[in-house]
Amino acid sequence: MNSLDFSIVVQAWPYLWSGLLFSLSLTAVAAFLVGMFLGTLFALVQHFELRILSQLVRSYVALMRSIPLILVLFWFFFLVPIVLGYLSGGGRPIPVGATYTAFITFGLFEAAYYSEIIRVGLRAVNKGQFEACQALALSTFDTYRHVVLPQVFRVASPIILSQTIILFQDTSLVYVLSLTDLLGAASKLAQLNGRLVEMYLAVAVVYLIISSAASQFVAWLRKNSAIAGAHR
């Protein structure tokens, strides 16, 4: 049995780094630019109980939370081009592309989870906050923009970040689209140099460091949120 040689990891680090950057960018864009924006909108639609829209959002959230992410990736990658081709009238599938598929799918999928977090946070806001805003003659838009949502985001931030950690770990699923994330980069290198153990151990260490650091930050946020709540 060959001895372990981690020098190969050092040599391959630039390629692994590019894969890590893709994983981090997918997490950041899908989580905060798409997932949080849509999730907040979905939560508000349910909070205001906007009849048909509210029912549609509930159905969407239930669907996304009931099926695995990898299945959503397959659906979007294979079915959306067919639908676009049909709508265009050409009849031929219009490719979306693996990268666009990953970013759009992750954003739409995570929006369902973030919406539930925000929705629960909205329900937890004290009614006195709304009464105070009415007394100050604030509009509904200003009430939620300046008073309600900032409180919800602050209180729910530990749960939001916990979900984001899970999202970061789930970025490894893009291998089914032949995209080169951190795990995908290690897998390709391992197949070339035959150093599977070293490559996969290196990736495990990177995931461990990032997820552990983020988890510690979440714990710190929980502690400070609890202290802030106790002093109110």
C-alpha atoms as a PDB file:
ATOM      1  CA  MET A   1       0.000   0.000   0.000  1.00  0.00           C
ATOM      2  CA  ASN A   2       1.412   3.410  -0.962  1.00  0.00           C
ATOM      3  CA  SER A   3       2.066   5.899   1.843  1.00  0.00           C
ATOM      4  CA  LEU A   4       0.059   9.074   1.967  1.00  0.00           C
ATOM      5  CA  ASP A   5       1.597  12.027   0.167  1.00  0.00           C
ATOM      6  CA  PHE A   6      -0.112  15.323   0.924  1.00  0.00           C
ATOM      7  CA  SER A   7       2.384  17.322  -1.113  1.00  0.00           C
ATOM      8  CA  ILE A   8       0.139  16.590  -4.073  1.00  0.00           C
ATOM      9  CA  VAL A   9      -2.593  18.580  -2.335  1.00  0.00           C
ATOM     10  CA  VAL A  10      -0.296  21.605  -2.062  1.00  0.00           C
ATOM     11  CA  GLN A  11       0.544  21.362  -5.743  1.00  0.00           C
ATOM     12  CA  ALA A  12      -3.116  21.050  -6.676  1.00  0.00           C
ATOM     13  CA  TRP A  13      -4.311  23.787  -4.323  1.00  0.00           C
ATOM     14  CA  PRO A  14      -4.805  26.485  -7.051  1.00  0.00           C
ATOM     15  CA  TYR A  15      -7.291  24.207  -8.811  1.00  0.00           C
ATOM     16  CA  LEU A  16      -8.969  23.273  -5.529  1.00  0.00           C
ATOM     17  CA  TRP A  17      -9.114  26.977  -4.643  1.00  0.00           C
ATOM     18  CA  SER A  18     -10.982  27.770  -7.858  1.00  0.00           C
ATOM     19  CA  GLY A  19     -13.476  25.043  -6.969  1.00  0.00           C
ATOM     20  CA  LEU A  20     -13.858  26.452  -3.456  1.00  0.00           C
ATOM     21  CA  LEU A  21     -14.491  29.933  -4.857  1.00  0.00           C
ATOM     22  CA  PHE A  22     -17.258  28.526  -7.042  1.00  0.00           C
ATOM     23  CA  SER A  23     -18.845  26.811  -4.014  1.00  0.00           C
ATOM     24  CA  LEU A  24     -18.645  30.020  -1.968  1.00  0.00           C
ATOM     25  CA  SER A  25     -20.010  32.198  -4.765  1.00  0.00           C
ATOM     26  CA  LEU A  26     -22.875  29.774  -5.330  1.00  0.00           C
ATOM     27  CA  THR A  27     -23.635  29.887  -1.608  1.00  0.00           C
ATOM     28  CA  ALA A  28     -23.474  33.685  -1.401  1.00  0.00           C
ATOM     29  CA  VAL A  29     -25.476  34.441  -4.550  1.00  0.00           C
ATOM     30  CA  ALA A  30     -28.064  31.689  -4.050  1.00  0.00           C
ATOM     31  CA  ALA A  31     -28.436  32.434  -0.330  1.00  0.00           C
ATOM     32  CA  PHE A  32     -28.425  36.211  -0.092  1.00  0.00           C
ATOM     33  CA  LEU A  33     -29.171  37.574  -3.557  1.00  0.00           C
ATOM     34  CA  VAL A  34     -31.852  35.125  -4.623  1.00  0.00           C
ATOM     35  CA  GLY A  35     -32.904  32.927  -1.703  1.00  0.00           C
ATOM     36  CA  MET A  36     -33.261  35.652   0.912  1.00  0.00           C
ATOM     37  CA  PHE A  37     -34.939  38.111  -1.464  1.00  0.00           C
ATOM     38  CA  LEU A  38     -37.509  35.619  -2.734  1.00  0.00           C
ATOM     39  CA  GLY A  39     -37.852  34.014   0.689  1.00  0.00           C
ATOM     40  CA  THR A  40     -38.720  37.375   2.250  1.00  0.00           C
ATOM     41  CA  LEU A  41     -41.278  38.087  -0.485  1.00  0.00           C
ATOM     42  CA  PHE A  42     -42.841  34.635  -0.038  1.00  0.00           C
ATOM     43  CA  ALA A  43     -42.984  35.120   3.721  1.00  0.00           C
ATOM     44  CA  LEU A  44     -44.696  38.498   3.361  1.00  0.00           C
ATOM     45  CA  VAL A  45     -47.230  37.090   0.904  1.00  0.00           C
ATOM     46  CA  GLN A  46     -48.165  34.413   3.441  1.00  0.00           C
ATOM     47  CA  HIS A  47     -48.072  36.895   6.316  1.00  0.00           C
ATOM     48  CA  PHE A  48     -50.551  39.214   4.596  1.00  0.00           C
ATOM     49  CA  GLU A  49     -52.635  36.198   3.469  1.00  0.00           C
ATOM     50  CA  LEU A  50     -53.037  37.435  -0.103  1.00  0.00           C
ATOM     51  CA  ARG A  51     -55.669  34.886  -1.171  1.00  0.00           C
ATOM     52  CA  ILE A  52     -54.570  33.095  -4.344  1.00  0.00           C
ATOM     53  CA  LEU A  53     -50.935  34.221  -4.102  1.00  0.00           C
ATOM     54  CA  SER A  54     -50.724  32.928  -0.549  1.00  0.00           C
ATOM     55  CA  GLN A  55     -52.011  29.512  -1.594  1.00  0.00           C
ATOM     56  CA  LEU A  56     -49.579  29.364  -4.504  1.00  0.00           C
ATOM     57  CA  VAL A  57     -46.653  30.239  -2.254  1.00  0.00           C
ATOM     58  CA  ARG A  58     -47.673  27.629   0.330  1.00  0.00           C
ATOM     59  CA  SER A  59     -47.862  24.992  -2.404  1.00  0.00           C
ATOM     60  CA  TYR A  60     -44.480  26.027  -3.771  1.00  0.00           C
ATOM     61  CA  VAL A  61     -42.837  25.927  -0.339  1.00  0.00           C
ATOM     62  CA  ALA A  62     -44.385  22.552   0.449  1.00  0.00           C
ATOM     63  CA  LEU A  63     -43.182  21.148  -2.890  1.00  0.00           C
ATOM     64  CA  MET A  64     -39.612  22.394  -2.521  1.00  0.00           C
ATOM     65  CA  ARG A  65     -39.362  21.190   1.066  1.00  0.00           C
ATOM     66  CA  SER A  66     -40.643  17.730   0.104  1.00  0.00           C
ATOM     67  CA  ILE A  67     -38.233  16.781  -2.686  1.00  0.00           C
ATOM     68  CA  PRO A  68     -34.437  16.447  -2.732  1.00  0.00           C
ATOM     69  CA  LEU A  69     -32.357  19.252  -4.196  1.00  0.00           C
ATOM     70  CA  ILE A  70     -30.631  16.918  -6.639  1.00  0.00           C
ATOM     71  CA  LEU A  71     -34.006  16.108  -8.184  1.00  0.00           C
ATOM     72  CA  VAL A  72     -34.765  19.820  -8.620  1.00  0.00           C
ATOM     73  CA  LEU A  73     -31.413  20.219 -10.366  1.00  0.00           C
ATOM     74  CA  PHE A  74     -32.310  17.433 -12.792  1.00  0.00           C
ATOM     75  CA  TRP A  75     -35.778  18.860 -13.398  1.00  0.00           C
ATOM     76  CA  PHE A  76     -34.476  22.316 -14.192  1.00  0.00           C
ATOM     77  CA  PHE A  77     -31.586  21.134 -16.345  1.00  0.00           C
ATOM     78  CA  PHE A  78     -33.620  18.722 -18.490  1.00  0.00           C
ATOM     79  CA  LEU A  79     -37.202  20.019 -18.420  1.00  0.00           C
ATOM     80  CA  VAL A  80     -36.826  23.807 -18.558  1.00  0.00           C
ATOM     81  CA  PRO A  81     -35.041  23.747 -21.969  1.00  0.00           C
ATOM     82  CA  ILE A  82     -37.933  21.678 -23.346  1.00  0.00           C
ATOM     83  CA  VAL A  83     -40.501  24.120 -21.939  1.00  0.00           C
ATOM     84  CA  LEU A  84     -38.578  27.128 -23.294  1.00  0.00           C
ATOM     85  CA  GLY A  85     -38.390  25.481 -26.720  1.00  0.00           C
ATOM     86  CA  TYR A  86     -42.129  24.856 -26.674  1.00  0.00           C
ATOM     87  CA  LEU A  87     -42.947  28.426 -25.613  1.00  0.00           C
ATOM     88  CA  SER A  88     -40.626  29.892 -28.252  1.00  0.00           C
ATOM     89  CA  GLY A  89     -42.505  28.029 -30.941  1.00  0.00           C
ATOM     90  CA  GLY A  90     -39.377  26.481 -32.380  1.00  0.00           C
ATOM     91  CA  GLY A  91     -40.007  23.082 -30.868  1.00  0.00           C
ATOM     92  CA  ARG A  92     -36.319  22.509 -30.175  1.00  0.00           C
ATOM     93  CA  PRO A  93     -35.014  22.628 -26.561  1.00  0.00           C
ATOM     94  CA  ILE A  94     -33.233  25.832 -25.577  1.00  0.00           C
ATOM     95  CA  PRO A  95     -30.278  24.955 -23.313  1.00  0.00           C
ATOM     96  CA  VAL A  96     -30.072  26.899 -20.064  1.00  0.00           C
ATOM     97  CA  GLY A  97     -26.524  25.885 -19.192  1.00  0.00           C
ATOM     98  CA  ALA A  98     -25.157  24.099 -16.138  1.00  0.00           C
ATOM     99  CA  THR A  99     -23.956  27.243 -14.343  1.00  0.00           C
ATOM    100  CA  TYR A 100     -27.245  29.106 -14.719  1.00  0.00           C
ATOM    101  CA  THR A 101     -29.082  25.951 -13.717  1.00  0.00           C
ATOM    102  CA  ALA A 102     -27.067  25.680 -10.501  1.00  0.00           C
ATOM    103  CA  PHE A 103     -27.470  29.315  -9.433  1.00  0.00           C
ATOM    104  CA  ILE A 104     -31.162  29.574 -10.308  1.00  0.00           C
ATOM    105  CA  THR A 105     -32.078  26.198  -8.831  1.00  0.00           C
ATOM    106  CA  PHE A 106     -30.226  26.759  -5.568  1.00  0.00           C
ATOM    107  CA  GLY A 107     -31.826  30.182  -5.196  1.00  0.00           C
ATOM    108  CA  LEU A 108     -35.358  28.930  -5.859  1.00  0.00           C
ATOM    109  CA  PHE A 109     -34.860  25.901  -3.632  1.00  0.00           C
ATOM    110  CA  GLU A 110     -33.419  27.816  -0.682  1.00  0.00           C
ATOM    111  CA  ALA A 111     -36.091  30.514  -0.982  1.00  0.00           C
ATOM    112  CA  ALA A 112     -38.613  27.972   0.295  1.00  0.00           C
ATOM    113  CA  TYR A 113     -36.577  27.337   3.442  1.00  0.00           C
ATOM    114  CA  TYR A 114     -35.743  30.981   4.087  1.00  0.00           C
ATOM    115  CA  SER A 115     -39.391  31.959   3.626  1.00  0.00           C
ATOM    116  CA  GLU A 116     -40.427  29.649   6.458  1.00  0.00           C
ATOM    117  CA  ILE A 117     -37.740  31.110   8.715  1.00  0.00           C
ATOM    118  CA  ILE A 118     -38.842  34.673   7.958  1.00  0.00           C
ATOM    119  CA  ARG A 119     -42.538  33.784   8.248  1.00  0.00           C
ATOM    120  CA  VAL A 120     -42.053  32.380  11.752  1.00  0.00           C
ATOM    121  CA  GLY A 121     -40.033  35.466  12.641  1.00  0.00           C
ATOM    122  CA  LEU A 122     -42.851  37.736  11.470  1.00  0.00           C
ATOM    123  CA  ARG A 123     -45.328  35.888  13.661  1.00  0.00           C
ATOM    124  CA  ALA A 124     -43.022  36.357  16.648  1.00  0.00           C
ATOM    125  CA  VAL A 125     -42.948  40.174  16.415  1.00  0.00           C
ATOM    126  CA  ASN A 126     -44.761  41.754  19.343  1.00  0.00           C
ATOM    127  CA  LYS A 127     -48.110  43.326  18.418  1.00  0.00           C
ATOM    128  CA  GLY A 128     -47.056  46.401  20.328  1.00  0.00           C
ATOM    129  CA  GLN A 129     -44.537  47.145  17.563  1.00  0.00           C
ATOM    130  CA  PHE A 130     -47.333  47.404  15.011  1.00  0.00           C
ATOM    131  CA  GLU A 131     -49.452  49.535  17.355  1.00  0.00           C
ATOM    132  CA  ALA A 132     -46.530  51.895  17.920  1.00  0.00           C
ATOM    133  CA  CYS A 133     -46.040  52.260  14.159  1.00  0.00           C
ATOM    134  CA  GLN A 134     -49.734  53.051  13.719  1.00  0.00           C
ATOM    135  CA  ALA A 135     -49.487  55.663  16.456  1.00  0.00           C
ATOM    136  CA  LEU A 136     -46.582  57.251  14.579  1.00  0.00           C
ATOM    137  CA  ALA A 137     -48.663  57.217  11.364  1.00  0.00           C
ATOM    138  CA  LEU A 138     -46.120  55.058   9.540  1.00  0.00           C
ATOM    139  CA  SER A 139     -47.237  53.461   6.305  1.00  0.00           C
ATOM    140  CA  THR A 140     -47.327  49.673   5.981  1.00  0.00           C
ATOM    141  CA  PHE A 141     -44.242  49.796   3.756  1.00  0.00           C
ATOM    142  CA  ASP A 142     -42.256  51.910   6.233  1.00  0.00           C
ATOM    143  CA  THR A 143     -43.449  49.791   9.148  1.00  0.00           C
ATOM    144  CA  TYR A 144     -42.076  46.600   7.664  1.00  0.00           C
ATOM    145  CA  ARG A 145     -39.001  48.176   6.096  1.00  0.00           C
ATOM    146  CA  HIS A 146     -37.758  50.162   9.093  1.00  0.00           C
ATOM    147  CA  VAL A 147     -39.247  48.386  12.109  1.00  0.00           C
ATOM    148  CA  VAL A 148     -40.509  44.837  11.555  1.00  0.00           C
ATOM    149  CA  LEU A 149     -38.119  43.231   9.071  1.00  0.00           C
ATOM    150  CA  PRO A 150     -34.913  44.509  10.751  1.00  0.00           C
ATOM    151  CA  GLN A 151     -36.074  42.867  13.985  1.00  0.00           C
ATOM    152  CA  VAL A 152     -36.968  39.644  12.191  1.00  0.00           C
ATOM    153  CA  PHE A 153     -33.596  39.462  10.419  1.00  0.00           C
ATOM    154  CA  ARG A 154     -31.721  40.133  13.650  1.00  0.00           C
ATOM    155  CA  VAL A 155     -33.568  37.486  15.662  1.00  0.00           C
ATOM    156  CA  ALA A 156     -33.619  34.921  12.854  1.00  0.00           C
ATOM    157  CA  SER A 157     -30.011  35.489  11.758  1.00  0.00           C
ATOM    158  CA  PRO A 158     -28.650  32.399  13.618  1.00  0.00           C
ATOM    159  CA  ILE A 159     -31.195  30.130  11.910  1.00  0.00           C
ATOM    160  CA  ILE A 160     -30.606  31.812   8.550  1.00  0.00           C
ATOM    161  CA  LEU A 161     -26.867  31.259   8.848  1.00  0.00           C
ATOM    162  CA  SER A 162     -27.394  27.654   9.940  1.00  0.00           C
ATOM    163  CA  GLN A 163     -29.411  27.066   6.787  1.00  0.00           C
ATOM    164  CA  THR A 164     -26.672  28.780   4.777  1.00  0.00           C
ATOM    165  CA  ILE A 165     -24.101  26.334   6.174  1.00  0.00           C
ATOM    166  CA  ILE A 166     -26.272  23.478   4.945  1.00  0.00           C
ATOM    167  CA  LEU A 167     -26.505  25.220   1.575  1.00  0.00           C
ATOM    168  CA  PHE A 168     -22.712  25.456   1.392  1.00  0.00           C
ATOM    169  CA  GLN A 169     -22.430  21.724   2.020  1.00  0.00           C
ATOM    170  CA  ASP A 170     -25.119  21.015  -0.583  1.00  0.00           C
ATOM    171  CA  THR A 171     -23.137  22.812  -3.302  1.00  0.00           C
ATOM    172  CA  SER A 172     -21.291  19.515  -3.784  1.00  0.00           C
ATOM    173  CA  LEU A 173     -24.414  18.251  -5.582  1.00  0.00           C
ATOM    174  CA  VAL A 174     -23.537  20.288  -8.675  1.00  0.00           C
ATOM    175  CA  TYR A 175     -21.246  17.427  -9.688  1.00  0.00           C
ATOM    176  CA  VAL A 176     -24.312  15.941 -11.431  1.00  0.00           C
ATOM    177  CA  LEU A 177     -24.128  18.907 -13.826  1.00  0.00           C
ATOM    178  CA  SER A 178     -20.375  18.382 -14.386  1.00  0.00           C
ATOM    179  CA  LEU A 179     -19.584  21.692 -12.681  1.00  0.00           C
ATOM    180  CA  THR A 180     -16.294  22.094 -10.841  1.00  0.00           C
ATOM    181  CA  ASP A 181     -17.008  22.971  -7.229  1.00  0.00           C
ATOM    182  CA  LEU A 182     -14.608  22.101  -4.392  1.00  0.00           C
ATOM    183  CA  LEU A 183     -15.560  18.425  -4.290  1.00  0.00           C
ATOM    184  CA  GLY A 184     -15.727  18.220  -8.077  1.00  0.00           C
ATOM    185  CA  ALA A 185     -12.224  19.681  -8.406  1.00  0.00           C
ATOM    186  CA  ALA A 186     -10.842  17.161  -5.921  1.00  0.00           C
ATOM    187  CA  SER A 187     -12.617  14.298  -7.685  1.00  0.00           C
ATOM    188  CA  LYS A 188     -11.195  15.236 -11.087  1.00  0.00           C
ATOM    189  CA  LEU A 189      -7.684  15.549  -9.692  1.00  0.00           C
ATOM    190  CA  ALA A 190      -8.005  12.274  -7.817  1.00  0.00           C
ATOM    191  CA  GLN A 191      -8.929  10.484 -11.020  1.00  0.00           C
ATOM    192  CA  LEU A 192      -5.890  11.944 -12.763  1.00  0.00           C
ATOM    193  CA  ASN A 193      -3.219  11.334 -10.131  1.00  0.00           C
ATOM    194  CA  GLY A 194      -4.774   8.362  -8.344  1.00  0.00           C
ATOM    195  CA  ARG A 195      -4.494  10.093  -4.937  1.00  0.00           C
ATOM    196  CA  LEU A 196      -8.105   9.650  -3.859  1.00  0.00           C
ATOM    197  CA  VAL A 197      -7.432   9.486  -0.116  1.00  0.00           C
ATOM    198  CA  GLU A 198      -5.313  12.639   0.000  1.00  0.00           C
ATOM    199  CA  MET A 199      -7.701  14.655  -2.155  1.00  0.00           C
ATOM    200  CA  TYR A 200     -10.870  13.659  -0.352  1.00  0.00           C
ATOM    201  CA  LEU A 201      -9.252  14.144   3.057  1.00  0.00           C
ATOM    202  CA  ALA A 202      -8.144  17.632   2.035  1.00  0.00           C
ATOM    203  CA  VAL A 203     -11.675  18.492   0.908  1.00  0.00           C
ATOM    204  CA  ALA A 204     -13.110  17.109   4.150  1.00  0.00           C
ATOM    205  CA  VAL A 205     -10.728  19.316   6.155  1.00  0.00           C
ATOM    206  CA  VAL A 206     -11.733  22.406   4.158  1.00  0.00           C
ATOM    207  CA  TYR A 207     -15.448  21.700   4.677  1.00  0.00           C
ATOM    208  CA  LEU A 208     -14.786  21.044   8.365  1.00  0.00           C
ATOM    209  CA  ILE A 209     -12.902  24.300   8.897  1.00  0.00           C
ATOM    210  CA  ILE A 210     -15.419  26.495   7.087  1.00  0.00           C
ATOM    211  CA  SER A 211     -18.514  24.823   8.569  1.00  0.00           C
ATOM    212  CA  SER A 212     -17.037  24.774  12.098  1.00  0.00           C
ATOM    213  CA  ALA A 213     -16.060  28.444  11.923  1.00  0.00           C
ATOM    214  CA  ALA A 214     -19.525  29.356  10.648  1.00  0.00           C
ATOM    215  CA  SER A 215     -21.153  27.222  13.355  1.00  0.00           C
ATOM    216  CA  GLN A 216     -19.137  28.999  16.033  1.00  0.00           C
ATOM    217  CA  PHE A 217     -20.306  32.319  14.624  1.00  0.00           C
ATOM    218  CA  VAL A 218     -23.904  31.075  14.727  1.00  0.00           C
ATOM    219  CA  ALA A 219     -23.467  30.064  18.374  1.00  0.00           C
ATOM    220  CA  TRP A 220     -22.088  33.528  19.136  1.00  0.00           C
ATOM    221  CA  LEU A 221     -25.075  35.134  17.414  1.00  0.00           C
ATOM    222  CA  ARG A 222     -27.508  32.946  19.366  1.00  0.00           C
ATOM    223  CA  LYS A 223     -25.867  33.923  22.629  1.00  0.00           C
ATOM    224  CA  ASN A 224     -25.936  37.628  21.834  1.00  0.00           C
ATOM    225  CA  SER A 225     -29.527  37.442  20.569  1.00  0.00           C
ATOM    226  CA  ALA A 226     -30.555  35.760  23.823  1.00  0.00           C
ATOM    227  CA  ILE A 227     -28.781  38.441  25.866  1.00  0.00           C
ATOM    228  CA  ALA A 228     -30.401  41.209  23.813  1.00  0.00           C
ATOM    229  CA  GLY A 229     -33.808  39.623  24.265  1.00  0.00           C
ATOM    230  CA  ALA A 230     -33.312  39.307  28.026  1.00  0.00           C
ATOM    231  CA  HIS A 231     -32.498  43.018  28.359  1.00  0.00           C
ATOM    232  CA  ARG A 232     -35.564  44.214  26.445  1.00  0.00           C
END
